[in-house]
Amino acid sequence: MSAAIHRVEELKQTVADLKGIPTRDALMEMLKKEVAVVTFKKLNGDERKMPCTLIPQFLPPAKKDDAITQKKVREVSDKVCAVWAVESKGFRSFRYDRVTDVEVINKDDYKVRLGEFWNEQKED
């Protein structure tokens, strides 16, 4: 790893540490294994708390006629995080630099915190 790349990675980690959140890469990896409530500021200034995940079992099956695949959505920008919004049951995105908090939902709390969504997943 070059010195410049190493410094960029250190800077990303420092910013994440100051904000008390994981780095973007760590957040995206976490969401592949966990459901988390991500709090962020929307572009209009409103705060939003969004339960979201990238756990494959929670995602809808890919369709051949989809013009844009999940992989392409995630590659749109390294500044944007595209995730599956649990409550609205669709892909949503947020800018990583606007994230203010990340709370992992304990797996034992899925049923309580995610209610109807959890029941639908159990039926599949």
Protein backbone atom coordinates (compact mmCIF):
# COMPACT_ATOMS: atom_id res chain seq x y z
CA MET A 1 0.00 0.00 0.00
CA SER A 2 1.44 3.33 -1.00
CA ALA A 3 2.00 6.00 1.62
CA ALA A 4 -0.73 8.22 0.13
CA ILE A 5 -3.33 5.42 0.19
CA HIS A 6 -2.30 4.52 3.73
CA ARG A 7 -2.76 8.16 4.81
CA VAL A 8 -6.20 8.32 3.20
CA GLU A 9 -7.25 5.16 5.05
CA GLU A 10 -5.93 6.57 8.33
CA LEU A 11 -7.87 9.79 7.71
CA LYS A 12 -11.08 7.85 7.01
CA GLN A 13 -10.61 5.93 10.26
CA THR A 14 -9.91 9.12 12.23
CA VAL A 15 -13.07 10.81 10.90
CA ALA A 16 -15.15 7.71 11.67
CA ASP A 17 -13.67 7.53 15.18
CA LEU A 18 -14.46 11.20 15.81
CA LYS A 19 -18.06 10.68 14.69
CA GLY A 20 -18.35 7.44 16.68
CA ILE A 21 -19.35 5.39 13.64
CA PRO A 22 -17.67 2.69 11.53
CA THR A 23 -15.84 3.64 8.34
CA ARG A 24 -17.91 3.37 5.16
CA ASP A 25 -16.25 0.08 4.21
CA ALA A 26 -16.75 -1.32 7.72
CA LEU A 27 -20.40 -0.18 7.71
CA MET A 28 -21.10 -1.89 4.38
CA GLU A 29 -19.43 -5.10 5.58
CA MET A 30 -21.38 -4.94 8.85
CA LEU A 31 -24.66 -4.60 6.97
CA LYS A 32 -23.90 -7.83 5.07
CA LYS A 33 -24.15 -9.64 8.43
CA GLU A 34 -26.38 -7.43 10.59
CA VAL A 35 -29.48 -5.26 10.62
CA ALA A 36 -28.68 -1.79 11.89
CA VAL A 37 -30.50 1.46 12.47
CA VAL A 38 -28.52 4.09 10.58
CA THR A 39 -29.21 7.69 11.58
CA PHE A 40 -28.35 10.35 9.02
CA LYS A 41 -29.20 13.87 7.96
CA LYS A 42 -31.25 14.02 4.78
CA LEU A 43 -30.32 16.60 2.15
CA ASN A 44 -33.18 18.82 3.35
CA GLY A 45 -31.71 18.78 6.89
CA ASP A 46 -34.22 16.38 8.45
CA GLU A 47 -32.85 13.53 10.55
CA ARG A 48 -33.83 10.00 9.55
CA LYS A 49 -33.42 6.71 11.41
CA MET A 50 -33.54 3.82 8.96
CA PRO A 51 -33.36 0.14 9.87
CA CYS A 52 -31.42 -1.39 7.00
CA THR A 53 -29.32 -4.36 5.95
CA LEU A 54 -27.52 -6.10 3.11
CA ILE A 55 -28.06 -9.63 4.48
CA PRO A 56 -28.77 -11.69 1.33
CA GLN A 57 -31.80 -13.48 2.87
CA PHE A 58 -33.52 -10.12 3.46
CA LEU A 59 -33.01 -8.89 -0.11
CA PRO A 60 -35.51 -9.60 -2.87
CA PRO A 61 -34.43 -12.08 -5.54
CA ALA A 62 -32.70 -10.47 -8.50
CA LYS A 63 -34.81 -10.38 -11.65
CA LYS A 64 -33.34 -10.78 -15.10
CA ASP A 65 -35.38 -7.88 -16.42
CA ASP A 66 -34.05 -5.45 -13.80
CA ALA A 67 -32.28 -2.66 -15.64
CA ILE A 68 -30.02 -2.02 -12.70
CA THR A 69 -28.66 -4.73 -10.45
CA GLN A 70 -27.90 -4.45 -6.77
CA LYS A 71 -24.19 -4.66 -7.58
CA LYS A 72 -24.44 -1.71 -9.95
CA VAL A 73 -26.44 0.29 -7.40
CA ARG A 74 -23.72 -0.20 -4.82
CA GLU A 75 -21.04 0.88 -7.29
CA VAL A 76 -22.74 4.18 -8.16
CA SER A 77 -20.59 6.21 -5.79
CA ASP A 78 -18.19 5.57 -2.97
CA LYS A 79 -19.90 8.44 -1.14
CA VAL A 80 -23.35 6.84 -1.26
CA CYS A 81 -24.47 3.73 0.64
CA ALA A 82 -27.23 1.76 -1.09
CA VAL A 83 -29.00 -0.56 1.36
CA TRP A 84 -32.22 -2.51 1.82
CA ALA A 85 -34.56 -0.41 3.99
CA VAL A 86 -36.32 -2.94 6.20
CA GLU A 87 -39.47 -0.94 6.98
CA SER A 88 -40.14 0.42 3.49
CA LYS A 89 -39.08 -2.88 1.87
CA GLY A 90 -37.01 -1.30 -0.86
CA PHE A 91 -33.54 -0.13 -1.74
CA ARG A 92 -32.70 3.28 -0.33
CA SER A 93 -29.49 5.23 -0.17
CA PHE A 94 -27.84 7.79 2.02
CA ARG A 95 -24.59 9.71 1.87
CA TYR A 96 -22.01 8.26 4.22
CA ASP A 97 -20.75 11.73 5.19
CA ARG A 98 -24.22 12.51 6.60
CA VAL A 99 -24.34 9.45 8.93
CA THR A 100 -24.45 10.46 12.59
CA ASP A 101 -25.10 7.13 14.33
CA VAL A 102 -25.17 3.38 13.70
CA GLU A 103 -26.93 0.99 16.08
CA VAL A 104 -26.77 -2.74 15.38
CA ILE A 105 -30.06 -4.46 16.21
CA ASN A 106 -29.53 -7.55 18.34
CA LYS A 107 -30.79 -10.63 16.49
CA ASP A 108 -32.97 -11.49 19.51
CA ASP A 109 -34.70 -8.11 19.07
CA TYR A 110 -35.52 -8.50 15.35
CA LYS A 111 -39.03 -9.75 16.04
CA VAL A 112 -39.80 -6.95 18.51
CA ARG A 113 -38.10 -4.15 16.58
CA LEU A 114 -39.05 -5.24 13.05
CA GLY A 115 -42.50 -6.71 13.75
CA GLU A 116 -44.39 -7.37 10.51
CA PHE A 117 -41.25 -7.51 8.40
CA TRP A 118 -39.81 -10.24 10.60
CA ASN A 119 -42.99 -12.32 10.33
CA GLU A 120 -42.92 -12.08 6.52
CA GLN A 121 -39.30 -13.26 6.44
CA LYS A 122 -40.13 -16.28 8.61
CA GLU A 123 -42.88 -17.34 6.17
CA ASP A 124 -40.55 -17.36 3.13
